[in-house]
Amino acid sequence: MADLFISYSTKDAAVANRLTAFLDGKGITYWRDTRNLEFGSPDWLKAIEEAIKEVRAFVILLSPISVESPWVTIELGYAMGFRRNNDPDFPIFALVIKVTEKLLPPVLVRPQILVHKDEDVDFMMCWTTLYDQLIKAGIGAQIAERSTKFLKALNERERIRIRANGVVSRNTLNKMGSSSDELAEIQRFLSQAKCIHVDEKDKSWTFTQDGENYFKQHAI
């Protein structure tokens, strides 16, 4: 099962390519027509419906082109209709890649709308905001798995008893052999999962009660 379904106009494929490259780097899985839909398939509409049934969230790229696309409209309608009716908490994220307020379908809720800023030529601010929202929604199994492995290694290698309100120094974290990017990603995941509090001065981690529950759940 993929994490996301990505809905977009083929004329916005260049932007969709940037998004999927970003998601690949973050370990977020996705369903996309060019990747998952067999060309010429007679059951393409059914395949799309089945994919939307199975994913954990729906992402739509909104532009003056995509809002006029009947296929994007069908995909959004299915996500809003079938998925929302059967799962009211099903996340739908609208990424406005060419800013026009008139583009925003009235059925979408404001907190779900991420607007791309014109000065952000690489779309990175928008993609990063989406990633943060996905992590908050518990989406991103690979980063969760990497975080759990990191905590287990931390406990075994440094002989630290992980407990509520236990503190691990930045120096200890740096000894674990993870790259700075990997460590930052794990820290962001655990922080947003409310497992740790990060001291902005010395970058140490303080484990929380939620963190202890997470450790017990994963037998760390």
N, C-alpha and C. Protein backbone atom coordinates (compact mmCIF):
# COMPACT_ATOMS: atom_id res chain seq x y z
N MET A 1 0.84 -1.19 0.00
CA MET A 1 0.00 0.00 0.00
C MET A 1 0.87 1.25 0.00
N ALA A 2 0.60 2.16 -0.92
CA ALA A 2 1.37 3.40 -1.00
C ALA A 2 0.89 4.38 0.06
N ASP A 3 1.77 5.31 0.44
CA ASP A 3 1.39 6.34 1.40
C ASP A 3 0.44 7.36 0.78
N LEU A 4 0.73 7.79 -0.45
CA LEU A 4 0.00 8.89 -1.07
C LEU A 4 -0.52 8.54 -2.46
N PHE A 5 -1.62 9.17 -2.84
CA PHE A 5 -2.07 9.21 -4.23
C PHE A 5 -1.81 10.63 -4.71
N ILE A 6 -1.14 10.78 -5.86
CA ILE A 6 -0.81 12.11 -6.39
C ILE A 6 -1.68 12.38 -7.61
N SER A 7 -2.49 13.42 -7.52
CA SER A 7 -3.39 13.83 -8.60
C SER A 7 -2.88 15.13 -9.21
N TYR A 8 -2.76 15.14 -10.53
CA TYR A 8 -2.20 16.32 -11.21
C TYR A 8 -2.54 16.26 -12.69
N SER A 9 -2.41 17.39 -13.36
CA SER A 9 -2.56 17.40 -14.81
C SER A 9 -1.24 16.99 -15.44
N THR A 10 -1.30 16.25 -16.53
CA THR A 10 -0.07 15.86 -17.21
C THR A 10 0.73 17.07 -17.70
N LYS A 11 0.05 18.20 -17.88
CA LYS A 11 0.75 19.42 -18.29
C LYS A 11 1.55 20.03 -17.14
N ASP A 12 1.29 19.55 -15.93
CA ASP A 12 2.08 19.98 -14.77
C ASP A 12 3.06 18.88 -14.35
N ALA A 13 3.41 18.01 -15.28
CA ALA A 13 4.26 16.85 -14.96
C ALA A 13 5.62 17.26 -14.42
N ALA A 14 6.18 18.38 -14.90
CA ALA A 14 7.50 18.81 -14.42
C ALA A 14 7.47 19.09 -12.92
N VAL A 15 6.40 19.71 -12.45
CA VAL A 15 6.28 19.98 -11.02
C VAL A 15 6.03 18.68 -10.26
N ALA A 16 5.20 17.81 -10.82
CA ALA A 16 4.96 16.52 -10.19
C ALA A 16 6.25 15.72 -10.07
N ASN A 17 7.12 15.83 -11.07
CA ASN A 17 8.41 15.14 -11.02
C ASN A 17 9.26 15.65 -9.87
N ARG A 18 9.23 16.96 -9.63
CA ARG A 18 9.98 17.52 -8.51
C ARG A 18 9.44 17.02 -7.18
N LEU A 19 8.11 16.96 -7.09
CA LEU A 19 7.50 16.47 -5.86
C LEU A 19 7.88 15.02 -5.60
N THR A 20 7.76 14.17 -6.61
CA THR A 20 8.04 12.75 -6.39
C THR A 20 9.53 12.51 -6.10
N ALA A 21 10.41 13.32 -6.69
CA ALA A 21 11.83 13.21 -6.37
C ALA A 21 12.07 13.53 -4.89
N PHE A 22 11.37 14.55 -4.41
CA PHE A 22 11.48 14.92 -2.99
C PHE A 22 10.95 13.79 -2.11
N LEU A 23 9.80 13.22 -2.47
CA LEU A 23 9.21 12.14 -1.68
C LEU A 23 10.10 10.91 -1.67
N ASP A 24 10.72 10.62 -2.82
CA ASP A 24 11.65 9.48 -2.89
C ASP A 24 12.78 9.65 -1.88
N GLY A 25 13.28 10.88 -1.78
CA GLY A 25 14.38 11.15 -0.86
C GLY A 25 13.97 11.05 0.60
N LYS A 26 12.68 11.18 0.88
CA LYS A 26 12.19 11.11 2.25
C LYS A 26 11.62 9.74 2.61
N GLY A 27 11.63 8.83 1.66
CA GLY A 27 11.11 7.50 1.95
C GLY A 27 9.60 7.42 1.98
N ILE A 28 8.90 8.43 1.39
CA ILE A 28 7.44 8.42 1.32
C ILE A 28 7.04 7.72 0.01
N THR A 29 6.19 6.72 0.10
CA THR A 29 5.76 6.00 -1.10
C THR A 29 4.50 6.66 -1.67
N TYR A 30 4.29 6.47 -2.97
CA TYR A 30 3.17 7.15 -3.62
C TYR A 30 2.69 6.36 -4.83
N TRP A 31 1.42 6.62 -5.19
CA TRP A 31 0.83 6.08 -6.41
C TRP A 31 0.73 7.22 -7.39
N ARG A 32 1.26 7.00 -8.61
CA ARG A 32 1.22 8.01 -9.66
C ARG A 32 0.96 7.31 -10.98
N ASP A 33 0.18 7.94 -11.84
CA ASP A 33 -0.24 7.28 -13.07
C ASP A 33 0.93 6.77 -13.90
N THR A 34 1.96 7.59 -14.09
CA THR A 34 3.08 7.18 -14.94
C THR A 34 3.89 6.05 -14.33
N ARG A 35 3.72 5.82 -13.06
CA ARG A 35 4.48 4.79 -12.37
C ARG A 35 3.66 3.53 -12.14
N ASN A 36 2.37 3.70 -11.92
CA ASN A 36 1.56 2.56 -11.48
C ASN A 36 0.44 2.16 -12.45
N LEU A 37 0.13 3.02 -13.40
CA LEU A 37 -0.99 2.73 -14.30
C LEU A 37 -0.45 2.22 -15.63
N GLU A 38 -0.84 1.03 -16.00
CA GLU A 38 -0.37 0.43 -17.25
C GLU A 38 -1.01 1.15 -18.44
N PHE A 39 -0.15 1.57 -19.38
CA PHE A 39 -0.64 2.31 -20.54
C PHE A 39 -1.62 1.45 -21.34
N GLY A 40 -2.76 2.05 -21.70
CA GLY A 40 -3.75 1.34 -22.51
C GLY A 40 -4.63 0.39 -21.74
N SER A 41 -4.51 0.40 -20.41
CA SER A 41 -5.33 -0.51 -19.61
C SER A 41 -6.81 -0.17 -19.75
N PRO A 42 -7.66 -1.17 -20.04
CA PRO A 42 -9.10 -0.89 -20.17
C PRO A 42 -9.76 -0.59 -18.82
N ASP A 43 -9.09 -0.97 -17.74
CA ASP A 43 -9.65 -0.77 -16.40
C ASP A 43 -8.94 0.36 -15.65
N TRP A 44 -8.49 1.38 -16.37
CA TRP A 44 -7.71 2.44 -15.73
C TRP A 44 -8.51 3.18 -14.66
N LEU A 45 -9.81 3.40 -14.90
CA LEU A 45 -10.61 4.12 -13.91
C LEU A 45 -10.76 3.29 -12.63
N LYS A 46 -10.96 2.00 -12.81
CA LYS A 46 -11.07 1.12 -11.65
C LYS A 46 -9.75 1.09 -10.89
N ALA A 47 -8.63 1.07 -11.63
CA ALA A 47 -7.32 1.05 -10.98
C ALA A 47 -7.11 2.30 -10.14
N ILE A 48 -7.56 3.46 -10.66
CA ILE A 48 -7.45 4.71 -9.92
C ILE A 48 -8.30 4.66 -8.66
N GLU A 49 -9.54 4.18 -8.79
CA GLU A 49 -10.43 4.10 -7.64
C GLU A 49 -9.85 3.18 -6.57
N GLU A 50 -9.32 2.04 -6.98
CA GLU A 50 -8.74 1.10 -6.03
C GLU A 50 -7.53 1.70 -5.32
N ALA A 51 -6.73 2.46 -6.09
CA ALA A 51 -5.55 3.09 -5.49
C ALA A 51 -5.95 4.11 -4.43
N ILE A 52 -6.97 4.92 -4.73
CA ILE A 52 -7.42 5.93 -3.77
C ILE A 52 -8.01 5.26 -2.53
N LYS A 53 -8.62 4.09 -2.70
CA LYS A 53 -9.15 3.34 -1.56
C LYS A 53 -8.05 2.93 -0.60
N GLU A 54 -6.88 2.63 -1.14
CA GLU A 54 -5.84 1.97 -0.35
C GLU A 54 -4.79 2.91 0.22
N VAL A 55 -4.61 4.11 -0.37
CA VAL A 55 -3.55 4.99 0.12
C VAL A 55 -3.92 5.60 1.46
N ARG A 56 -2.93 6.22 2.10
CA ARG A 56 -3.14 6.82 3.42
C ARG A 56 -3.45 8.31 3.35
N ALA A 57 -3.21 8.94 2.19
CA ALA A 57 -3.53 10.36 2.01
C ALA A 57 -3.59 10.67 0.52
N PHE A 58 -4.25 11.78 0.19
CA PHE A 58 -4.46 12.20 -1.19
C PHE A 58 -3.82 13.58 -1.36
N VAL A 59 -2.98 13.73 -2.39
CA VAL A 59 -2.32 15.01 -2.68
C VAL A 59 -2.72 15.45 -4.08
N ILE A 60 -3.20 16.69 -4.18
CA ILE A 60 -3.59 17.23 -5.49
C ILE A 60 -2.80 18.49 -5.78
N LEU A 61 -2.22 18.56 -6.99
CA LEU A 61 -1.52 19.76 -7.44
C LEU A 61 -2.53 20.65 -8.16
N LEU A 62 -2.79 21.81 -7.60
CA LEU A 62 -3.77 22.72 -8.18
C LEU A 62 -3.08 23.81 -9.00
N SER A 63 -3.52 23.97 -10.23
CA SER A 63 -3.02 25.00 -11.13
C SER A 63 -4.17 25.40 -12.04
N PRO A 64 -4.02 26.48 -12.81
CA PRO A 64 -5.09 26.84 -13.76
C PRO A 64 -5.40 25.72 -14.74
N ILE A 65 -4.40 24.85 -14.99
CA ILE A 65 -4.60 23.73 -15.91
C ILE A 65 -5.33 22.57 -15.23
N SER A 66 -4.87 22.22 -14.03
CA SER A 66 -5.43 21.03 -13.38
C SER A 66 -6.89 21.21 -12.97
N VAL A 67 -7.28 22.45 -12.61
CA VAL A 67 -8.69 22.63 -12.20
C VAL A 67 -9.64 22.49 -13.37
N GLU A 68 -9.10 22.54 -14.60
CA GLU A 68 -9.94 22.34 -15.79
C GLU A 68 -9.88 20.90 -16.29
N SER A 69 -9.04 20.07 -15.65
CA SER A 69 -8.87 18.69 -16.09
C SER A 69 -10.01 17.82 -15.58
N PRO A 70 -10.72 17.11 -16.47
CA PRO A 70 -11.81 16.23 -16.00
C PRO A 70 -11.27 15.07 -15.17
N TRP A 71 -10.05 14.60 -15.47
CA TRP A 71 -9.50 13.45 -14.74
C TRP A 71 -9.12 13.84 -13.32
N VAL A 72 -8.55 15.02 -13.16
CA VAL A 72 -8.22 15.50 -11.82
C VAL A 72 -9.51 15.69 -11.02
N THR A 73 -10.53 16.21 -11.68
CA THR A 73 -11.83 16.40 -11.02
C THR A 73 -12.41 15.07 -10.57
N ILE A 74 -12.30 14.06 -11.42
CA ILE A 74 -12.80 12.72 -11.08
C ILE A 74 -12.05 12.18 -9.86
N GLU A 75 -10.72 12.31 -9.87
CA GLU A 75 -9.91 11.79 -8.76
C GLU A 75 -10.23 12.49 -7.45
N LEU A 76 -10.33 13.83 -7.49
CA LEU A 76 -10.67 14.57 -6.28
C LEU A 76 -12.07 14.22 -5.81
N GLY A 77 -13.00 14.09 -6.76
CA GLY A 77 -14.36 13.74 -6.39
C GLY A 77 -14.44 12.39 -5.71
N TYR A 78 -13.65 11.43 -6.18
CA TYR A 78 -13.66 10.11 -5.57
C TYR A 78 -13.04 10.16 -4.17
N ALA A 79 -11.96 10.93 -4.05
CA ALA A 79 -11.32 11.07 -2.73
C ALA A 79 -12.27 11.74 -1.74
N MET A 80 -12.94 12.80 -2.18
CA MET A 80 -13.85 13.53 -1.31
C MET A 80 -15.11 12.73 -1.03
N GLY A 81 -15.59 12.02 -2.06
CA GLY A 81 -16.83 11.28 -1.91
C GLY A 81 -16.66 9.96 -1.19
N PHE A 82 -16.04 9.00 -1.87
CA PHE A 82 -15.92 7.66 -1.29
C PHE A 82 -15.07 7.66 -0.02
N ARG A 83 -13.85 8.21 -0.10
CA ARG A 83 -12.95 8.10 1.04
C ARG A 83 -13.45 8.89 2.24
N ARG A 84 -13.89 10.12 2.02
CA ARG A 84 -14.34 10.92 3.14
C ARG A 84 -15.62 10.36 3.77
N ASN A 85 -16.47 9.79 2.95
CA ASN A 85 -17.70 9.21 3.49
C ASN A 85 -17.41 7.99 4.34
N ASN A 86 -16.39 7.24 3.96
CA ASN A 86 -16.04 6.02 4.68
C ASN A 86 -14.98 6.24 5.74
N ASP A 87 -14.22 7.31 5.62
CA ASP A 87 -13.16 7.62 6.58
C ASP A 87 -13.06 9.13 6.71
N PRO A 88 -13.81 9.73 7.64
CA PRO A 88 -13.85 11.20 7.76
C PRO A 88 -12.50 11.84 8.03
N ASP A 89 -11.55 11.05 8.56
CA ASP A 89 -10.22 11.60 8.87
C ASP A 89 -9.22 11.43 7.73
N PHE A 90 -9.68 10.92 6.60
CA PHE A 90 -8.76 10.71 5.46
C PHE A 90 -8.15 12.05 5.05
N PRO A 91 -6.80 12.17 5.07
CA PRO A 91 -6.17 13.47 4.77
C PRO A 91 -6.14 13.76 3.26
N ILE A 92 -6.54 14.98 2.92
CA ILE A 92 -6.44 15.48 1.54
C ILE A 92 -5.65 16.78 1.58
N PHE A 93 -4.55 16.83 0.83
CA PHE A 93 -3.70 18.01 0.81
C PHE A 93 -3.71 18.62 -0.59
N ALA A 94 -4.05 19.89 -0.67
CA ALA A 94 -4.06 20.61 -1.94
C ALA A 94 -2.83 21.51 -1.99
N LEU A 95 -1.99 21.30 -3.00
CA LEU A 95 -0.80 22.13 -3.19
C LEU A 95 -1.07 23.09 -4.33
N VAL A 96 -1.22 24.37 -4.02
CA VAL A 96 -1.49 25.38 -5.05
C VAL A 96 -0.16 25.81 -5.64
N ILE A 97 0.14 25.33 -6.85
CA ILE A 97 1.46 25.58 -7.43
C ILE A 97 1.49 26.83 -8.31
N LYS A 98 0.33 27.39 -8.60
CA LYS A 98 0.26 28.69 -9.26
C LYS A 98 -0.84 29.44 -8.54
N VAL A 99 -0.45 30.45 -7.78
CA VAL A 99 -1.34 31.04 -6.79
C VAL A 99 -2.47 31.84 -7.43
N THR A 100 -3.68 31.37 -7.22
CA THR A 100 -4.89 32.09 -7.59
C THR A 100 -5.98 31.62 -6.64
N GLU A 101 -6.54 32.52 -5.86
CA GLU A 101 -7.56 32.12 -4.89
C GLU A 101 -8.75 31.43 -5.56
N LYS A 102 -9.04 31.82 -6.80
CA LYS A 102 -10.18 31.24 -7.50
C LYS A 102 -9.98 29.75 -7.79
N LEU A 103 -8.73 29.29 -7.68
CA LEU A 103 -8.45 27.89 -7.96
C LEU A 103 -8.97 26.96 -6.87
N LEU A 104 -9.19 27.48 -5.68
CA LEU A 104 -9.44 26.62 -4.54
C LEU A 104 -10.86 26.09 -4.53
N PRO A 105 -11.04 24.79 -4.72
CA PRO A 105 -12.39 24.22 -4.67
C PRO A 105 -13.01 24.46 -3.30
N PRO A 106 -14.27 24.87 -3.23
CA PRO A 106 -14.90 25.17 -1.95
C PRO A 106 -15.01 23.97 -1.02
N VAL A 107 -14.88 22.76 -1.57
CA VAL A 107 -15.01 21.56 -0.72
C VAL A 107 -13.77 21.34 0.13
N LEU A 108 -12.65 22.00 -0.22
CA LEU A 108 -11.42 21.80 0.53
C LEU A 108 -11.39 22.72 1.75
N VAL A 109 -10.79 22.23 2.82
CA VAL A 109 -10.69 22.98 4.06
C VAL A 109 -9.37 23.74 4.08
N ARG A 110 -9.40 24.97 4.55
CA ARG A 110 -8.22 25.83 4.52
C ARG A 110 -6.94 25.19 5.08
N PRO A 111 -6.96 24.53 6.26
CA PRO A 111 -5.70 23.96 6.77
C PRO A 111 -5.06 22.92 5.85
N GLN A 112 -5.83 22.38 4.93
CA GLN A 112 -5.28 21.36 4.03
C GLN A 112 -4.59 21.98 2.83
N ILE A 113 -4.70 23.30 2.67
CA ILE A 113 -4.19 23.96 1.46
C ILE A 113 -2.80 24.52 1.71
N LEU A 114 -1.85 24.10 0.91
CA LEU A 114 -0.47 24.59 1.01
C LEU A 114 -0.17 25.39 -0.25
N VAL A 115 0.09 26.67 -0.08
CA VAL A 115 0.27 27.56 -1.23
C VAL A 115 1.75 27.76 -1.51
N HIS A 116 2.14 27.50 -2.74
CA HIS A 116 3.51 27.71 -3.17
C HIS A 116 3.80 29.20 -3.33
N LYS A 117 4.93 29.63 -2.78
CA LYS A 117 5.34 31.03 -2.90
C LYS A 117 6.18 31.21 -4.17
N ASP A 118 5.90 32.27 -4.90
CA ASP A 118 6.57 32.48 -6.19
C ASP A 118 8.08 32.54 -6.08
N GLU A 119 8.58 33.08 -4.95
CA GLU A 119 10.04 33.22 -4.81
C GLU A 119 10.73 31.88 -4.54
N ASP A 120 9.95 30.87 -4.17
CA ASP A 120 10.51 29.54 -3.90
C ASP A 120 10.55 28.75 -5.20
N VAL A 121 11.54 29.03 -6.02
CA VAL A 121 11.56 28.50 -7.38
C VAL A 121 11.68 26.98 -7.43
N ASP A 122 12.22 26.39 -6.37
CA ASP A 122 12.38 24.93 -6.34
C ASP A 122 11.24 24.23 -5.62
N PHE A 123 10.25 24.97 -5.15
CA PHE A 123 9.09 24.41 -4.46
C PHE A 123 9.44 23.76 -3.12
N MET A 124 10.68 23.93 -2.64
CA MET A 124 11.11 23.18 -1.48
C MET A 124 10.35 23.54 -0.21
N MET A 125 10.00 24.81 -0.05
CA MET A 125 9.24 25.20 1.14
C MET A 125 7.89 24.50 1.17
N CYS A 126 7.25 24.43 0.01
CA CYS A 126 5.94 23.78 -0.08
C CYS A 126 6.07 22.28 0.19
N TRP A 127 7.06 21.64 -0.44
CA TRP A 127 7.26 20.21 -0.24
C TRP A 127 7.58 19.89 1.22
N THR A 128 8.44 20.72 1.84
CA THR A 128 8.82 20.48 3.23
C THR A 128 7.63 20.63 4.17
N THR A 129 6.78 21.63 3.90
CA THR A 129 5.57 21.80 4.71
C THR A 129 4.66 20.59 4.57
N LEU A 130 4.53 20.09 3.35
CA LEU A 130 3.73 18.88 3.13
C LEU A 130 4.31 17.72 3.93
N TYR A 131 5.62 17.54 3.87
CA TYR A 131 6.27 16.45 4.59
C TYR A 131 6.00 16.55 6.09
N ASP A 132 6.09 17.77 6.63
CA ASP A 132 5.81 17.96 8.05
C ASP A 132 4.38 17.54 8.38
N GLN A 133 3.44 17.89 7.52
CA GLN A 133 2.05 17.54 7.75
C GLN A 133 1.84 16.02 7.66
N LEU A 134 2.55 15.39 6.74
CA LEU A 134 2.44 13.93 6.61
C LEU A 134 2.95 13.23 7.86
N ILE A 135 4.08 13.70 8.37
CA ILE A 135 4.64 13.10 9.58
C ILE A 135 3.67 13.27 10.75
N LYS A 136 3.06 14.45 10.86
CA LYS A 136 2.09 14.68 11.93
C LYS A 136 0.90 13.72 11.80
N ALA A 137 0.57 13.37 10.57
CA ALA A 137 -0.54 12.45 10.34
C ALA A 137 -0.10 10.98 10.46
N GLY A 138 1.16 10.77 10.81
CA GLY A 138 1.66 9.41 10.98
C GLY A 138 1.98 8.70 9.69
N ILE A 139 2.21 9.47 8.62
CA ILE A 139 2.49 8.89 7.31
C ILE A 139 3.99 8.97 7.03
N GLY A 140 4.55 7.87 6.61
CA GLY A 140 5.98 7.81 6.36
C GLY A 140 6.59 6.65 7.12
N ALA A 141 6.21 5.45 6.75
CA ALA A 141 6.60 4.27 7.51
C ALA A 141 8.11 4.09 7.57
N GLN A 142 8.81 4.46 6.53
CA GLN A 142 10.25 4.21 6.51
C GLN A 142 11.00 5.08 7.51
N ILE A 143 10.59 6.34 7.65
CA ILE A 143 11.25 7.19 8.63
C ILE A 143 10.93 6.71 10.04
N ALA A 144 9.72 6.22 10.25
CA ALA A 144 9.36 5.67 11.55
C ALA A 144 10.22 4.45 11.86
N GLU A 145 10.42 3.60 10.85
CA GLU A 145 11.25 2.41 11.02
C GLU A 145 12.70 2.79 11.31
N ARG A 146 13.23 3.79 10.57
CA ARG A 146 14.60 4.24 10.81
C ARG A 146 14.76 4.83 12.21
N SER A 147 13.74 5.55 12.65
CA SER A 147 13.79 6.16 13.98
C SER A 147 13.82 5.09 15.07
N THR A 148 13.01 4.05 14.89
CA THR A 148 12.97 2.97 15.87
C THR A 148 14.32 2.25 15.93
N LYS A 149 14.90 1.98 14.76
CA LYS A 149 16.21 1.32 14.72
C LYS A 149 17.27 2.20 15.39
N PHE A 150 17.19 3.50 15.16
CA PHE A 150 18.16 4.41 15.76
C PHE A 150 18.07 4.37 17.28
N LEU A 151 16.84 4.39 17.81
CA LEU A 151 16.66 4.38 19.25
C LEU A 151 17.14 3.07 19.87
N LYS A 152 16.89 1.97 19.17
CA LYS A 152 17.37 0.68 19.67
C LYS A 152 18.90 0.64 19.69
N ALA A 153 19.52 1.16 18.62
CA ALA A 153 20.98 1.19 18.56
C ALA A 153 21.54 2.12 19.64
N LEU A 154 20.86 3.23 19.86
CA LEU A 154 21.28 4.17 20.90
C LEU A 154 21.26 3.50 22.27
N ASN A 155 20.21 2.76 22.52
CA ASN A 155 20.07 2.09 23.81
C ASN A 155 21.12 1.00 23.99
N GLU A 156 21.38 0.23 22.91
CA GLU A 156 22.32 -0.88 23.01
C GLU A 156 23.78 -0.40 23.02
N ARG A 157 24.10 0.54 22.11
CA ARG A 157 25.50 0.93 21.97
C ARG A 157 25.99 1.79 23.12
N GLU A 158 25.16 2.71 23.57
CA GLU A 158 25.58 3.63 24.62
C GLU A 158 25.12 3.19 26.01
N ARG A 159 24.42 2.03 26.08
CA ARG A 159 23.94 1.50 27.35
C ARG A 159 23.12 2.53 28.12
N ILE A 160 22.27 3.21 27.37
CA ILE A 160 21.39 4.21 27.98
C ILE A 160 20.03 3.57 28.22
N ARG A 161 19.55 3.69 29.42
CA ARG A 161 18.19 3.21 29.71
C ARG A 161 17.23 4.33 29.30
N ILE A 162 16.52 4.11 28.20
CA ILE A 162 15.60 5.12 27.70
C ILE A 162 14.37 5.14 28.60
N ARG A 163 14.06 6.29 29.16
CA ARG A 163 12.95 6.41 30.09
C ARG A 163 12.34 7.79 29.97
N ALA A 164 11.19 7.97 30.54
CA ALA A 164 10.55 9.28 30.51
C ALA A 164 11.46 10.29 31.18
N ASN A 165 11.61 11.44 30.53
CA ASN A 165 12.42 12.55 31.03
C ASN A 165 13.92 12.24 31.08
N GLY A 166 14.34 11.14 30.43
CA GLY A 166 15.76 10.87 30.32
C GLY A 166 16.37 11.80 29.28
N VAL A 167 17.60 12.24 29.50
CA VAL A 167 18.25 13.19 28.60
C VAL A 167 19.43 12.52 27.91
N VAL A 168 19.54 12.73 26.60
CA VAL A 168 20.68 12.23 25.82
C VAL A 168 21.36 13.44 25.19
N SER A 169 22.65 13.56 25.40
CA SER A 169 23.38 14.74 24.93
C SER A 169 23.59 14.69 23.42
N ARG A 170 23.85 15.85 22.85
CA ARG A 170 24.14 15.94 21.42
C ARG A 170 25.41 15.16 21.10
N ASN A 171 26.37 15.17 21.99
CA ASN A 171 27.62 14.45 21.76
C ASN A 171 27.36 12.96 21.61
N THR A 172 26.47 12.43 22.46
CA THR A 172 26.11 11.01 22.36
C THR A 172 25.41 10.72 21.05
N LEU A 173 24.49 11.61 20.66
CA LEU A 173 23.77 11.41 19.40
C LEU A 173 24.73 11.40 18.22
N ASN A 174 25.71 12.28 18.25
CA ASN A 174 26.67 12.37 17.14
C ASN A 174 27.57 11.14 17.06
N LYS A 175 27.71 10.40 18.13
CA LYS A 175 28.55 9.20 18.13
C LYS A 175 27.88 8.03 17.43
N MET A 176 26.61 8.16 17.11
CA MET A 176 25.87 7.03 16.58
C MET A 176 26.21 6.71 15.12
N GLY A 177 26.92 7.60 14.44
CA GLY A 177 27.35 7.32 13.08
C GLY A 177 26.36 7.72 12.00
N SER A 178 25.24 8.30 12.38
CA SER A 178 24.28 8.77 11.37
C SER A 178 24.76 10.10 10.80
N SER A 179 24.42 10.34 9.54
CA SER A 179 24.76 11.63 8.93
C SER A 179 23.93 12.72 9.59
N SER A 180 24.35 13.97 9.41
CA SER A 180 23.61 15.08 10.00
C SER A 180 22.20 15.16 9.44
N ASP A 181 22.04 14.85 8.15
CA ASP A 181 20.71 14.88 7.54
C ASP A 181 19.81 13.78 8.12
N GLU A 182 20.38 12.58 8.29
CA GLU A 182 19.61 11.47 8.85
C GLU A 182 19.19 11.77 10.28
N LEU A 183 20.13 12.31 11.05
CA LEU A 183 19.84 12.64 12.44
C LEU A 183 18.77 13.72 12.53
N ALA A 184 18.86 14.73 11.65
CA ALA A 184 17.87 15.80 11.65
C ALA A 184 16.48 15.26 11.30
N GLU A 185 16.43 14.32 10.36
CA GLU A 185 15.15 13.73 9.96
C GLU A 185 14.55 12.93 11.10
N ILE A 186 15.37 12.13 11.77
CA ILE A 186 14.90 11.33 12.91
C ILE A 186 14.44 12.25 14.04
N GLN A 187 15.22 13.29 14.28
CA GLN A 187 14.86 14.24 15.33
C GLN A 187 13.52 14.91 15.04
N ARG A 188 13.32 15.30 13.78
CA ARG A 188 12.07 15.94 13.42
C ARG A 188 10.89 14.98 13.61
N PHE A 189 11.07 13.72 13.19
CA PHE A 189 9.99 12.74 13.34
C PHE A 189 9.64 12.53 14.81
N LEU A 190 10.66 12.30 15.65
CA LEU A 190 10.41 12.04 17.06
C LEU A 190 9.85 13.26 17.77
N SER A 191 10.29 14.44 17.35
CA SER A 191 9.78 15.67 17.95
C SER A 191 8.31 15.87 17.61
N GLN A 192 7.95 15.66 16.34
CA GLN A 192 6.57 15.85 15.93
C GLN A 192 5.67 14.75 16.47
N ALA A 193 6.26 13.60 16.76
CA ALA A 193 5.51 12.52 17.40
C ALA A 193 5.42 12.74 18.91
N LYS A 194 6.02 13.86 19.39
CA LYS A 194 6.00 14.25 20.80
C LYS A 194 6.72 13.24 21.68
N CYS A 195 7.70 12.54 21.09
CA CYS A 195 8.51 11.59 21.87
C CYS A 195 9.66 12.29 22.58
N ILE A 196 10.13 13.38 22.00
CA ILE A 196 11.28 14.08 22.58
C ILE A 196 11.04 15.58 22.58
N HIS A 197 11.73 16.24 23.49
CA HIS A 197 11.84 17.70 23.46
C HIS A 197 13.29 18.02 23.14
N VAL A 198 13.53 18.91 22.19
CA VAL A 198 14.89 19.25 21.76
C VAL A 198 15.31 20.57 22.40
N ASP A 199 16.40 20.54 23.12
CA ASP A 199 16.96 21.77 23.69
C ASP A 199 17.67 22.53 22.59
N GLU A 200 17.16 23.70 22.24
CA GLU A 200 17.70 24.46 21.11
C GLU A 200 19.10 25.00 21.39
N LYS A 201 19.49 25.06 22.66
CA LYS A 201 20.81 25.59 23.00
C LYS A 201 21.90 24.55 22.79
N ASP A 202 21.74 23.39 23.41
CA ASP A 202 22.80 22.37 23.29
C ASP A 202 22.40 21.18 22.42
N LYS A 203 21.16 21.22 21.85
CA LYS A 203 20.67 20.19 20.93
C LYS A 203 20.54 18.82 21.56
N SER A 204 20.45 18.77 22.89
CA SER A 204 20.21 17.48 23.54
C SER A 204 18.73 17.10 23.41
N TRP A 205 18.45 15.82 23.62
CA TRP A 205 17.08 15.33 23.57
C TRP A 205 16.62 14.99 24.98
N THR A 206 15.40 15.39 25.29
CA THR A 206 14.77 14.97 26.54
C THR A 206 13.55 14.13 26.18
N PHE A 207 13.53 12.88 26.64
CA PHE A 207 12.42 12.00 26.31
C PHE A 207 11.19 12.32 27.15
N THR A 208 10.03 12.20 26.55
CA THR A 208 8.76 12.54 27.19
C THR A 208 7.99 11.30 27.57
N GLN A 209 6.85 11.50 28.22
CA GLN A 209 6.00 10.36 28.55
C GLN A 209 5.50 9.69 27.27
N ASP A 210 5.17 10.50 26.26
CA ASP A 210 4.77 9.93 24.97
C ASP A 210 5.91 9.11 24.38
N GLY A 211 7.14 9.57 24.61
CA GLY A 211 8.31 8.84 24.15
C GLY A 211 8.42 7.49 24.81
N GLU A 212 8.19 7.46 26.12
CA GLU A 212 8.26 6.18 26.82
C GLU A 212 7.19 5.22 26.31
N ASN A 213 6.01 5.74 26.02
CA ASN A 213 4.95 4.89 25.44
C ASN A 213 5.37 4.35 24.09
N TYR A 214 6.05 5.19 23.31
CA TYR A 214 6.52 4.77 21.98
C TYR A 214 7.55 3.65 22.14
N PHE A 215 8.44 3.81 23.12
CA PHE A 215 9.48 2.79 23.35
C PHE A 215 8.87 1.46 23.76
N LYS A 216 7.87 1.53 24.66
CA LYS A 216 7.21 0.30 25.10
C LYS A 216 6.49 -0.37 23.93
N GLN A 217 5.83 0.44 23.10
CA GLN A 217 5.09 -0.09 21.95
C GLN A 217 6.01 -0.83 21.01
N HIS A 218 7.23 -0.31 20.82
CA HIS A 218 8.16 -0.91 19.87
C HIS A 218 9.21 -1.78 20.55
N ALA A 219 8.99 -2.07 21.84
CA ALA A 219 9.88 -2.98 22.59
C ALA A 219 11.33 -2.53 22.54
N ILE A 220 11.56 -1.25 22.75
CA ILE A 220 12.93 -0.74 22.74
C ILE A 220 13.53 -0.90 24.14
